[in-house]
Amino acid sequence: MFKQLLNFEVYYQLKQRAFPIFVILFLALGYFVGKQGFAPKGVHFNSVYQVYFHTSLFTLGSVFIIMFFAVSAMLRDKQHNMENLIYSSSIKKSHYFWSRFLGTFIFSTLAFSPFIVGYIGGNYFSNLDPERLGDFKLLTYLQPWLYIVVPNIFICTTVVFSVSTLTKSSIATYISAVFLYMLYFVCSIFLNSPLLAQSVPASPESMAIAAVADLFGIAAFFEQTQYWTPFQKNTQLLSFSGYFFMNRLTWLLVSFGVLLSTYKLFSFRKITKKIKKKRRFNKENITLIDYKPLEQIHNFKTKIKTFISLIKLELVSVFKSLPFIAVLIMWLFIVFSELYATVIEGGEYGVSSYPFTNQLIALIVDPLTIFSLLLIIFYSAEIVWRERSLNFNLIIDAVPTKNSTFFLAKFFVVVLLPIILITTGILMCIIFQVSLSYTNFEFSLYASLYYHYGLQLMVFSMIAIFVNSITKSKYAGMGIFSLIVILSLKSSLIGLEHPLTSIGFMPRVAYSNMNGFYGGSSLFNHLALYWLVFGLFLMTLSFKMWNRGVVSDHLFKLKKLRYELTKIQKVSISFLVVLFISFGSIIFYNMNVIDTYESFNNQLDFREQYEKKFKKYENLERLFPISRKTEVAIFPSDRRYTVKANYILKNGSSKPISEVFITERVPLKSISLEKGTLIKKNNEFGIYIFKLNEDIQPNDSLLFNYELAYKVKKYENNKTIVKSGTYITHRTFEPMLGYSNSLEITNRVEREKRNLPKRKEVEISDSHIELDDFNNEKIHFETIVSTNKNQKALSSGSLINEWVENDRNYYHYKSKNKIIPMIAYFSGVYKTKKVNHNGVLIEQYYDENHSFNIEEIEESAKQTLDYCQANFGKYNFNHLRIAEIPLHWSFGGFAHPGVISMVEDRLYLSNVSDSSIFNLVAKRTIHEVGHQWWGHTLSAKPVAGGAIFVEGFAKYTEAVVMEKMYGKRALYELSDNTRRRYFYGRAFAGEQEPPVYKVLGQGYISYGKALTVLLAVRDLIGEKELNIVLKSLTKKYRNSKTLEVNSIEFLEALYDVTPLKYHELIDDWFKRVITYDLAIDRGEFKQLKNGKFKVTVTLKAKRFNTLESGEIEEKSINEPIKIGVFNSHPSKIKRNDQILYYQSFMINKETLEVTIIVNEEPKYISIDPFGTRNDENLIDNTIKL
């Protein structure tokens, strides 16, 4: 019997119309994803990693396939009134249950599996770069299907099928599918899943929890592959072990448990309702009265009452429905998780933020859009089609109530749903603020959510109601509107990236405590009107085509629309069309005429033509500035500035120069070059070519002048000049001297399409590092900066004079010595704090409401100045200015000569009041102050390896100063963070990892590995000796005009203070790509008779070398590594008395037993506890005794 039932189930599901639709849909989806070429640089499009990534991600969508087949399997008997017949037949419960389950599982798997077939087609039958495709291997696609697709569909089928079986409710089944889908994202946020991780990778503990808890196995996949290099991603199969194995096993066992429980609970009989006792009426008390028709009153008051009554009925229906309750609970849970994780638990380094209203709003707006659209998709269809779904429409249609009342009531309720989410989100934010004793609620800012986000959701609600009014079923309405939402979000992929064609698009309006709303406000306002008029137009059509009665033919509706429009309605529709065109014209004029709107293809066309027309000038010898004098007038309230610049340019080459090629960044009012005649000007590309009257000889110089006036355009989202916190760097406006390679197209395939030659690879060799000349020098700098009277203006150089003229503040700055030409101009409504520390005036400029961390910043700056001057030489300036800039800047801080810009939310709003947590404010301040030595006093030649001198040494300074201020625990946090940053960064690097001494733009090395290597050198030769090397280099090049020092010279200086036997080890760290696998295998201790303690520990140590091909080979180990014994975990060490033992041991074999005697009872033992070796897994370096 079971075989026959299963055969019938297969036959029945196979004939379902939805089955071929799902097959075609997922086949097409697989092809579309496969042909996109979404892969990290250096990773093949068809690598195992990419197939796993895309397949596992899209299995989230399998729940909707399962939902359909589960409803078909378990509810069709009820829908066709066949339950009594089936349950009374000779069919056994087990045969019935398992045949239906297997039918659902098999066809859900069959419907999704074409995704992989389509993915293969997309890889091999599209225009992907053939060099980014590996050899075809069936196992590459078969393993993800076996390890991800089949288990995930089985797990989800178990849940959805069980709900469908036990509830016999289609609504409950739909909810369970949506719940599984949303649950993944909820858990991803709560568990810090790598899929939603930010720039800082998740901790090993978070990764381990997420890897086991994620029922789809995506986090487990990331956990195993998080540090895979591109070579490994291209060649290595996933191992069915570790957390990945635990995840699959755990959830399969849970699924079997759920399935067996469902089988036991499933009753093989029809569920009957309990019969209620009928109320008995006393017939003697019944009084007969004559029938009288009620008088119908149709005045305005009754219409309002009817409207309110309908709204109440719709709202009650929504509020009592399980989908709404489920979505609302998930929404509140996500809001709570986001707020808790950032405001209380903390983000980077576990540091939380002060609960400013704009900070909290920024955390909830992304999930707000997602959840609101889900509600609109589902409930716009449910509300519009409610009466027809319940077969109650004929009765409702017969009542004497106008269409407008029904229509507006339904529209009001659909619009109200996202408003409810916004309101509950605001209340949750306020609760958090109250719990943290924060009372500046900024209700007007909360209210802006209804405008900046609610208006867009209202437009989508209008579109949803229109779609449902013209479709033949609510499911068709849901599907079509979902497609519209997806197309709107991904409009650029189909060539509709212009705001006028991207349905419902409204830009995010930037907000900062320093400025209020800025950037995008005008464009938002006009687009809001544009799309609102569009929505009203659709609403008018929806109203006229409203389903009432038994006729629902589209042709009839169109005729009805044509003939039943009143004059007023025709005028209204015409007026809306005119408004729509008018607003569209205004937007188009501002974007495409006043401003120059460029699509992505337009930008590529510009780059192509720039290269084709001007590449011939690339090899012209270039002049470079040795002196800059500027007058910069900043007008923050008008969002404009003017620049007058006088430069002295020098020929630093060995050849005479006869032509000068200049590319403007900002349109220039005037430009002149001494002894030069402008022979060519191209306004389209901003090109100026000067012919010199006489060649300028090597080391000769000439004058260069230019003027410009820049005003932020109406729709321009320019973040440089704002109401308060203006931050203009010289690269914002300064013309580029020479042909700019940065404007060329870099994508190889795109270059081939446009018949552009292959780009030259940058040479990276020792001779290139040492011998190549670069025409750059430090400069003399002088400027006069003016701003509004209520603001202060800053720049580099000593303050020579300040005055007020024409109701404006003027500041005259001039550098006493030559400086690196990294200049910026600041203007803001700043509160100031100044203190003289050992001859250096520390000046802080900050928003008056952001004074929380001013003392921390000052103390950190003092400590850094003291340490650096004692160890690396004198500070170059008599001032140190630290200025706050708005939060829209994506970096943490930037060091200019004598002036440091620090970002609002990354420094000033970080809450470090709890002394037990890592002090992120101190860390960031120390790093940027350190750059005054590393990057300014010691300026490296701009070649491979130069980043060591800038970021590497700044990270080293940051580490040693933090250690002296806060103990070893700070060093543990820093080294662990940089270690994870290094391994995570190299996993997504686009090229083979270079050694440290050849680093060229690889942030994961300069910000990550460089620190680890420098700490290893410190342990090897001592901090004093390493600092002597750094001081000798700063002393040698302090007064150098040119940028000369390079990484090879640094290594030579390092060899001089390092014993000869360790030179090879230095080369391993700097000239090779070496990683480690260190671990404590086991450890124990016992007390000796003299009261001391003997610790015996078994160490394991391996070393690996990554070859240029990407292959990894094991390399023998023979080096000293620190071993520590502590009475607290290394991450908690604040004082030296917590360290019982900390010495280097010569590790020269893979397994080594070590004995250590300590005076106190030990609690922890660790090898390399403070991260001086690049080890993927730091957890097993320490064990508790």
Foldseek 3Di string as FASTA:
>chain_A
DLVVLLVVLLVVVVPDPVLVVLQVVLLQVLLVQLQPQPDFFLAASLFLLNLLQVLLVCLLVLLVLLLVLLCVLAQPCVVVVNLAVVLPDPDDLVSSLVSSLVSSLVSSLVSNVSSLVSSVCNNPVYPDDPVRHDDDDPCSNVVSCVLFVSLSSLLSSLQLNLQCQQVVDSLSSVLSSVCSSLVQVLCCLLLVAQVPHDLFHDDLVSLLVCCQPRLNNNSVSCNQQLQPFSVCRRPPHDDCDDSSVNNSVVSVVVSVVSNVVSSVSRDSHDDDDDDDDDDDDDPVPDDDDDDDDDDDDDDPVVLVVLLVVLLVVLVVVQVPRPNLVSLLVSLLSSLVSQCCVAAPQHDALRFHFQLDPVVSCVSRPVVLVVSLVVLLLPLLLCLQCVCVVVVNQQVVLPDPHDLVSSLVSSLVNSLVSSVVSLVVSLVSSVVVCVVVVHDPSPVVVSVCCCVLPSLLSSLLSLVLNLLSLQDDHSVSSSVVSVVLVVCLVVVVVVPQPPLLRSQSDADDFDAFPQFGTDFRPLVRVLSSQLSVLVSVLSSLLSSQSGDRDDDNDNVVSVVSVVPVQDPVSVVVNVVSVVSNVVSVVVSCCQPVPVHNDDRPVRLQVLQLVLCVVCVVFQPAQWWDFAAKEKEKEAEQVQQKIKIKIKTKTARADQAWGFKWKKFWLADWPDKDWPQWDFPDADPVRRITMTGGVDTAHHGGITMIITMDMDGAGPNGRDQQRHNFFHKFKCVNTPIDTTRDPVSHDQDPSVCVVSVHDHDDDDDFDPCCQAPDDDPDWFHWYKYKYKYALQKDKDKDADFPDWDADPRIIITIGTHPAGKHRTMMMTMGNWDWDWDQAPQAIEIETEDPVLCQCVVVLVVLLNLLQVVCCVQANHQRDSYAYEYEHEQVDPDQWAAGQRYIYGYDRNARRTDCVDVQGADSNSLSSQLRSQQSQQCILQNADQAFQRLCSHQLVSLLSSLVSSCVVFNLLNLQSQLVSLLSLLSSQSNSDNAHDFFNQRHHPSCSCSNHLSNLQVVLLCQQQNPNLLSVLNNVSSVVCRRPGDRRDGSVVSLVSSCVRHPPVCNVVNCCRGGFDKAKAKFWPDKDWDADPVQKIKIKTKIFIWMWTQDNVRDIDTDWAWAWWKKWWFQDQSNNDGDPVRTFDIHIDTDGGGMDMDMDIGNDDTFKMFINSSRSGSHPDRPRRMDTD
